[in-house]
Amino acid sequence: MKPEVSVIIPTFNRAAFLKSAIKSALHQTYDDIEIIVVDDNSSAPVHDVIKKLQDTRIKYIRHKHNFGVSVARNTGIKASKGKYIAFLDDDDEWLPEKLEKQIEIIKNSSEKVCGVYSNFFIILHFLMNSIIFPYL
């Protein structure tokens, strides 16, 4: 069965952040997804991060050369099977209800909707404390 949403995560040498990004996609309340990680020829151990997560919804594609983030996103789009595309950067994380809320807007709109976006928070970590700033 085809997933409804293809989550595309381009990455380049940021394996340390990638695990959190993938986990935030895996922990969505809306779970009819596939996750496509496009490694833009990292020297970082990206494949090891994905193997440790052991989830069949994750697809890994590795470029033979570094082409840049736009080409990596396009590679993900070409490999996607979902009805909708969602982009997630490798150093970002989603709140658990992000996709559920966006899909609800798309499905309940009386107009034809070609895209849905959301706001974001900037989280600064200092030693044992975090400060959260909503972006206005």
N, C-alpha and C. Protein backbone atom coordinates (compact mmCIF):
# COMPACT_ATOMS: atom_id res chain seq x y z
N MET A 1 0.83 -1.18 0.00
CA MET A 1 0.00 0.00 0.00
C MET A 1 0.88 1.26 0.00
N LYS A 2 0.52 2.22 -0.80
CA LYS A 2 1.30 3.46 -0.89
C LYS A 2 1.07 4.33 0.35
N PRO A 3 2.12 4.95 0.83
CA PRO A 3 1.94 5.89 1.95
C PRO A 3 1.27 7.17 1.44
N GLU A 4 0.59 7.87 2.33
CA GLU A 4 -0.04 9.11 1.91
C GLU A 4 0.97 10.25 1.86
N VAL A 5 1.95 10.23 2.78
CA VAL A 5 2.94 11.30 2.85
C VAL A 5 4.35 10.73 2.71
N SER A 6 5.12 11.35 1.83
CA SER A 6 6.55 11.04 1.72
C SER A 6 7.32 12.15 2.39
N VAL A 7 8.05 11.79 3.45
CA VAL A 7 8.88 12.75 4.17
C VAL A 7 10.29 12.66 3.59
N ILE A 8 10.77 13.76 3.06
CA ILE A 8 12.08 13.76 2.41
C ILE A 8 13.06 14.53 3.28
N ILE A 9 14.15 13.83 3.63
CA ILE A 9 15.18 14.42 4.49
C ILE A 9 16.51 14.39 3.74
N PRO A 10 16.94 15.52 3.18
CA PRO A 10 18.28 15.57 2.58
C PRO A 10 19.30 15.73 3.70
N THR A 11 20.46 15.11 3.54
CA THR A 11 21.48 15.24 4.57
C THR A 11 22.88 15.26 3.96
N PHE A 12 23.75 15.98 4.63
CA PHE A 12 25.16 16.01 4.24
C PHE A 12 26.01 16.27 5.48
N ASN A 13 26.73 15.25 5.91
CA ASN A 13 27.67 15.33 7.03
C ASN A 13 27.06 15.82 8.34
N ARG A 14 25.80 15.48 8.58
CA ARG A 14 25.19 15.86 9.86
C ARG A 14 24.50 14.66 10.51
N ALA A 15 25.21 13.55 10.56
CA ALA A 15 24.65 12.34 11.15
C ALA A 15 24.27 12.55 12.61
N ALA A 16 24.98 13.41 13.30
CA ALA A 16 24.68 13.66 14.72
C ALA A 16 23.29 14.25 14.91
N PHE A 17 22.80 15.04 13.96
CA PHE A 17 21.47 15.64 14.05
C PHE A 17 20.39 14.75 13.42
N LEU A 18 20.78 13.95 12.46
CA LEU A 18 19.84 13.20 11.63
C LEU A 18 18.93 12.28 12.44
N LYS A 19 19.46 11.61 13.43
CA LYS A 19 18.66 10.68 14.22
C LYS A 19 17.45 11.38 14.85
N SER A 20 17.64 12.56 15.39
CA SER A 20 16.53 13.30 16.01
C SER A 20 15.49 13.72 14.97
N ALA A 21 15.95 14.12 13.81
CA ALA A 21 15.03 14.50 12.74
C ALA A 21 14.17 13.30 12.32
N ILE A 22 14.81 12.17 12.09
CA ILE A 22 14.08 10.97 11.68
C ILE A 22 13.10 10.53 12.77
N LYS A 23 13.55 10.53 14.01
CA LYS A 23 12.67 10.12 15.10
C LYS A 23 11.45 11.03 15.20
N SER A 24 11.63 12.32 14.95
CA SER A 24 10.48 13.23 15.01
C SER A 24 9.47 12.91 13.91
N ALA A 25 9.94 12.43 12.77
CA ALA A 25 9.03 12.00 11.71
C ALA A 25 8.36 10.67 12.06
N LEU A 26 9.12 9.76 12.63
CA LEU A 26 8.57 8.46 13.01
C LEU A 26 7.52 8.56 14.12
N HIS A 27 7.63 9.58 14.95
CA HIS A 27 6.72 9.74 16.09
C HIS A 27 5.54 10.66 15.80
N GLN A 28 5.23 10.85 14.55
CA GLN A 28 4.07 11.66 14.19
C GLN A 28 2.77 10.93 14.56
N THR A 29 1.77 11.69 14.98
CA THR A 29 0.46 11.09 15.26
C THR A 29 -0.20 10.63 13.96
N TYR A 30 0.18 11.22 12.86
CA TYR A 30 -0.26 10.78 11.53
C TYR A 30 0.86 9.90 10.99
N ASP A 31 0.63 8.60 10.90
CA ASP A 31 1.74 7.70 10.61
C ASP A 31 1.70 7.00 9.25
N ASP A 32 0.83 7.46 8.36
CA ASP A 32 0.78 6.88 7.02
C ASP A 32 1.87 7.55 6.16
N ILE A 33 3.11 7.23 6.49
CA ILE A 33 4.25 7.92 5.90
C ILE A 33 5.33 6.95 5.43
N GLU A 34 6.16 7.46 4.56
CA GLU A 34 7.46 6.87 4.26
C GLU A 34 8.47 7.98 4.50
N ILE A 35 9.67 7.60 4.87
CA ILE A 35 10.74 8.57 5.10
C ILE A 35 11.85 8.25 4.12
N ILE A 36 12.22 9.23 3.33
CA ILE A 36 13.28 9.05 2.34
C ILE A 36 14.45 9.94 2.76
N VAL A 37 15.54 9.31 3.18
CA VAL A 37 16.74 10.04 3.54
C VAL A 37 17.67 10.02 2.34
N VAL A 38 18.01 11.21 1.86
CA VAL A 38 18.91 11.31 0.71
C VAL A 38 20.25 11.84 1.22
N ASP A 39 21.24 10.96 1.21
CA ASP A 39 22.59 11.29 1.66
C ASP A 39 23.36 11.87 0.47
N ASP A 40 23.72 13.13 0.57
CA ASP A 40 24.40 13.82 -0.53
C ASP A 40 25.91 13.59 -0.48
N ASN A 41 26.29 12.31 -0.38
CA ASN A 41 27.69 11.87 -0.39
C ASN A 41 28.44 12.32 0.87
N SER A 42 27.85 12.07 2.02
CA SER A 42 28.49 12.42 3.30
C SER A 42 29.69 11.53 3.58
N SER A 43 30.62 12.07 4.34
CA SER A 43 31.68 11.23 4.91
C SER A 43 31.26 10.76 6.29
N ALA A 44 30.19 11.35 6.83
CA ALA A 44 29.64 10.97 8.12
C ALA A 44 28.89 9.63 7.98
N PRO A 45 28.76 8.87 9.08
CA PRO A 45 28.13 7.54 9.03
C PRO A 45 26.60 7.58 8.99
N VAL A 46 26.04 8.15 7.96
CA VAL A 46 24.59 8.31 7.83
C VAL A 46 23.88 6.96 7.80
N HIS A 47 24.39 6.03 7.02
CA HIS A 47 23.74 4.72 6.90
C HIS A 47 23.67 4.00 8.25
N ASP A 48 24.68 4.16 9.08
CA ASP A 48 24.69 3.53 10.41
C ASP A 48 23.56 4.07 11.28
N VAL A 49 23.30 5.36 11.19
CA VAL A 49 22.21 5.99 11.95
C VAL A 49 20.88 5.35 11.55
N ILE A 50 20.67 5.19 10.28
CA ILE A 50 19.41 4.65 9.77
C ILE A 50 19.25 3.17 10.15
N LYS A 51 20.32 2.40 10.02
CA LYS A 51 20.26 0.97 10.37
C LYS A 51 19.88 0.78 11.83
N LYS A 52 20.38 1.60 12.71
CA LYS A 52 20.09 1.47 14.15
C LYS A 52 18.62 1.76 14.46
N LEU A 53 17.96 2.55 13.64
CA LEU A 53 16.55 2.87 13.89
C LEU A 53 15.62 1.70 13.52
N GLN A 54 16.04 0.83 12.64
CA GLN A 54 15.31 -0.39 12.28
C GLN A 54 13.82 -0.15 12.04
N ASP A 55 13.51 0.68 11.07
CA ASP A 55 12.12 0.93 10.73
C ASP A 55 11.96 0.79 9.22
N THR A 56 11.03 -0.03 8.81
CA THR A 56 10.84 -0.32 7.38
C THR A 56 10.29 0.86 6.60
N ARG A 57 9.83 1.90 7.29
CA ARG A 57 9.32 3.09 6.60
C ARG A 57 10.44 3.98 6.10
N ILE A 58 11.67 3.69 6.50
CA ILE A 58 12.82 4.53 6.11
C ILE A 58 13.49 3.94 4.88
N LYS A 59 13.63 4.79 3.86
CA LYS A 59 14.35 4.41 2.64
C LYS A 59 15.61 5.28 2.57
N TYR A 60 16.73 4.67 2.25
CA TYR A 60 18.01 5.37 2.19
C TYR A 60 18.52 5.42 0.76
N ILE A 61 18.86 6.62 0.31
CA ILE A 61 19.45 6.82 -1.02
C ILE A 61 20.74 7.60 -0.83
N ARG A 62 21.81 7.14 -1.45
CA ARG A 62 23.10 7.84 -1.33
C ARG A 62 23.56 8.30 -2.70
N HIS A 63 23.85 9.60 -2.81
CA HIS A 63 24.44 10.14 -4.04
C HIS A 63 25.90 9.70 -4.15
N LYS A 64 26.36 9.47 -5.36
CA LYS A 64 27.77 9.12 -5.58
C LYS A 64 28.67 10.34 -5.50
N HIS A 65 28.08 11.53 -5.67
CA HIS A 65 28.82 12.79 -5.58
C HIS A 65 27.97 13.78 -4.79
N ASN A 66 28.59 14.82 -4.30
CA ASN A 66 27.86 15.87 -3.59
C ASN A 66 27.29 16.83 -4.63
N PHE A 67 25.95 16.88 -4.69
CA PHE A 67 25.27 17.73 -5.67
C PHE A 67 24.58 18.94 -5.05
N GLY A 68 24.43 18.96 -3.74
CA GLY A 68 23.74 20.05 -3.07
C GLY A 68 22.33 19.67 -2.64
N VAL A 69 21.79 20.47 -1.74
CA VAL A 69 20.52 20.15 -1.10
C VAL A 69 19.34 20.14 -2.08
N SER A 70 19.33 21.00 -3.08
CA SER A 70 18.21 21.03 -4.03
C SER A 70 18.14 19.74 -4.84
N VAL A 71 19.27 19.27 -5.29
CA VAL A 71 19.30 18.01 -6.04
C VAL A 71 18.90 16.86 -5.12
N ALA A 72 19.36 16.89 -3.88
CA ALA A 72 18.98 15.84 -2.92
C ALA A 72 17.47 15.82 -2.70
N ARG A 73 16.86 16.98 -2.57
CA ARG A 73 15.39 17.03 -2.43
C ARG A 73 14.70 16.47 -3.67
N ASN A 74 15.19 16.84 -4.84
CA ASN A 74 14.61 16.33 -6.09
C ASN A 74 14.78 14.82 -6.21
N THR A 75 15.90 14.29 -5.76
CA THR A 75 16.10 12.84 -5.75
C THR A 75 15.04 12.18 -4.87
N GLY A 76 14.78 12.78 -3.71
CA GLY A 76 13.75 12.26 -2.82
C GLY A 76 12.37 12.31 -3.44
N ILE A 77 12.05 13.39 -4.12
CA ILE A 77 10.75 13.51 -4.78
C ILE A 77 10.59 12.41 -5.83
N LYS A 78 11.64 12.19 -6.63
CA LYS A 78 11.57 11.15 -7.68
C LYS A 78 11.37 9.76 -7.10
N ALA A 79 11.90 9.52 -5.91
CA ALA A 79 11.79 8.20 -5.28
C ALA A 79 10.51 8.05 -4.45
N SER A 80 9.78 9.13 -4.26
CA SER A 80 8.62 9.10 -3.36
C SER A 80 7.44 8.36 -3.97
N LYS A 81 6.64 7.77 -3.08
CA LYS A 81 5.44 7.06 -3.49
C LYS A 81 4.19 7.70 -2.89
N GLY A 82 4.35 8.69 -2.04
CA GLY A 82 3.22 9.30 -1.35
C GLY A 82 2.43 10.26 -2.22
N LYS A 83 1.22 10.51 -1.79
CA LYS A 83 0.36 11.49 -2.45
C LYS A 83 0.85 12.90 -2.17
N TYR A 84 1.41 13.10 -0.97
CA TYR A 84 1.90 14.41 -0.55
C TYR A 84 3.39 14.32 -0.20
N ILE A 85 4.08 15.44 -0.35
CA ILE A 85 5.51 15.55 -0.04
C ILE A 85 5.66 16.48 1.17
N ALA A 86 6.51 16.07 2.10
CA ALA A 86 6.85 16.91 3.25
C ALA A 86 8.38 16.95 3.35
N PHE A 87 8.94 18.15 3.44
CA PHE A 87 10.39 18.29 3.58
C PHE A 87 10.76 18.51 5.04
N LEU A 88 11.78 17.80 5.47
CA LEU A 88 12.32 17.94 6.82
C LEU A 88 13.83 18.04 6.71
N ASP A 89 14.41 19.13 7.17
CA ASP A 89 15.86 19.27 7.14
C ASP A 89 16.48 18.38 8.23
N ASP A 90 17.70 17.95 7.98
CA ASP A 90 18.35 16.99 8.89
C ASP A 90 18.67 17.56 10.27
N ASP A 91 18.64 18.86 10.42
CA ASP A 91 18.92 19.45 11.73
C ASP A 91 17.66 20.03 12.37
N ASP A 92 16.50 19.65 11.87
CA ASP A 92 15.22 20.11 12.42
C ASP A 92 14.46 18.94 13.01
N GLU A 93 13.48 19.27 13.85
CA GLU A 93 12.58 18.27 14.42
C GLU A 93 11.16 18.79 14.34
N TRP A 94 10.22 17.87 14.15
CA TRP A 94 8.82 18.22 14.09
C TRP A 94 8.14 17.95 15.42
N LEU A 95 7.16 18.78 15.76
CA LEU A 95 6.27 18.46 16.86
C LEU A 95 5.40 17.28 16.43
N PRO A 96 4.95 16.45 17.37
CA PRO A 96 4.27 15.19 17.01
C PRO A 96 3.02 15.32 16.15
N GLU A 97 2.29 16.42 16.21
CA GLU A 97 1.04 16.54 15.47
C GLU A 97 1.17 17.34 14.17
N LYS A 98 2.38 17.66 13.76
CA LYS A 98 2.58 18.51 12.58
C LYS A 98 1.87 17.96 11.34
N LEU A 99 2.18 16.73 10.96
CA LEU A 99 1.58 16.18 9.74
C LEU A 99 0.08 15.98 9.87
N GLU A 100 -0.38 15.55 11.02
CA GLU A 100 -1.81 15.36 11.23
C GLU A 100 -2.57 16.66 10.99
N LYS A 101 -2.06 17.75 11.54
CA LYS A 101 -2.72 19.05 11.37
C LYS A 101 -2.67 19.51 9.92
N GLN A 102 -1.56 19.30 9.25
CA GLN A 102 -1.45 19.73 7.86
C GLN A 102 -2.33 18.91 6.93
N ILE A 103 -2.38 17.60 7.13
CA ILE A 103 -3.23 16.75 6.30
C ILE A 103 -4.70 17.09 6.55
N GLU A 104 -5.05 17.39 7.78
CA GLU A 104 -6.43 17.79 8.09
C GLU A 104 -6.81 19.06 7.33
N ILE A 105 -5.91 20.03 7.28
CA ILE A 105 -6.17 21.27 6.53
C ILE A 105 -6.37 20.97 5.05
N ILE A 106 -5.51 20.14 4.50
CA ILE A 106 -5.62 19.80 3.08
C ILE A 106 -6.94 19.10 2.78
N LYS A 107 -7.30 18.12 3.59
CA LYS A 107 -8.50 17.32 3.32
C LYS A 107 -9.80 18.07 3.61
N ASN A 108 -9.77 19.02 4.54
CA ASN A 108 -11.00 19.72 4.92
C ASN A 108 -11.17 21.07 4.25
N SER A 109 -10.26 21.43 3.38
CA SER A 109 -10.35 22.71 2.71
C SER A 109 -11.40 22.65 1.59
N SER A 110 -12.19 23.70 1.49
CA SER A 110 -13.17 23.75 0.41
C SER A 110 -12.51 24.19 -0.91
N GLU A 111 -11.32 24.72 -0.79
CA GLU A 111 -10.56 25.16 -1.97
C GLU A 111 -9.52 24.11 -2.32
N LYS A 112 -8.97 24.21 -3.51
CA LYS A 112 -7.85 23.35 -3.86
C LYS A 112 -6.61 23.90 -3.17
N VAL A 113 -5.98 23.08 -2.37
CA VAL A 113 -4.80 23.50 -1.61
C VAL A 113 -3.57 22.86 -2.24
N CYS A 114 -2.59 23.68 -2.57
CA CYS A 114 -1.38 23.13 -3.18
C CYS A 114 -0.22 23.08 -2.20
N GLY A 115 -0.38 23.64 -1.03
CA GLY A 115 0.70 23.58 -0.05
C GLY A 115 0.23 24.07 1.30
N VAL A 116 0.86 23.53 2.34
CA VAL A 116 0.59 23.93 3.71
C VAL A 116 1.93 24.08 4.40
N TYR A 117 2.09 25.16 5.13
CA TYR A 117 3.33 25.36 5.87
C TYR A 117 3.00 25.67 7.31
N SER A 118 4.02 25.67 8.15
CA SER A 118 3.79 25.92 9.56
C SER A 118 4.85 26.86 10.12
N ASN A 119 4.59 27.36 11.28
CA ASN A 119 5.52 28.22 11.99
C ASN A 119 6.61 27.35 12.62
N PHE A 120 7.55 27.96 13.29
CA PHE A 120 8.59 27.17 13.94
C PHE A 120 9.07 27.85 15.21
N PHE A 121 9.78 27.08 16.01
CA PHE A 121 10.38 27.56 17.25
C PHE A 121 11.89 27.44 17.13
N ILE A 122 12.58 28.37 17.73
CA ILE A 122 14.03 28.28 17.83
C ILE A 122 14.32 27.83 19.26
N ILE A 123 15.04 26.74 19.40
CA ILE A 123 15.37 26.21 20.72
C ILE A 123 16.87 26.31 20.91
N LEU A 124 17.28 27.06 21.91
CA LEU A 124 18.69 27.20 22.23
C LEU A 124 19.00 26.37 23.46
N HIS A 125 20.01 25.54 23.37
CA HIS A 125 20.40 24.68 24.48
C HIS A 125 21.65 25.25 25.16
N PHE A 126 21.56 25.49 26.44
CA PHE A 126 22.69 25.97 27.23
C PHE A 126 22.87 25.03 28.42
N LEU A 127 23.95 24.30 28.42
CA LEU A 127 24.24 23.33 29.48
C LEU A 127 23.01 22.46 29.73
N MET A 128 22.36 22.59 30.86
CA MET A 128 21.21 21.73 31.19
C MET A 128 19.88 22.42 30.92
N ASN A 129 19.87 23.64 30.40
CA ASN A 129 18.63 24.38 30.19
C ASN A 129 18.37 24.63 28.72
N SER A 130 17.11 24.73 28.37
CA SER A 130 16.72 25.08 27.01
C SER A 130 15.85 26.32 27.05
N ILE A 131 16.01 27.17 26.08
CA ILE A 131 15.18 28.36 25.93
C ILE A 131 14.47 28.24 24.59
N ILE A 132 13.15 28.41 24.60
CA ILE A 132 12.36 28.28 23.39
C ILE A 132 11.81 29.64 23.00
N PHE A 133 12.11 30.04 21.76
CA PHE A 133 11.61 31.30 21.21
C PHE A 133 10.68 31.01 20.06
N PRO A 134 9.40 31.37 20.13
CA PRO A 134 8.56 31.22 18.94
C PRO A 134 8.99 32.23 17.89
N TYR A 135 9.05 31.79 16.67
CA TYR A 135 9.39 32.69 15.57
C TYR A 135 8.12 33.42 15.17
N LEU A 136 8.16 34.73 15.16
CA LEU A 136 6.96 35.51 14.85
C LEU A 136 7.04 36.09 13.46
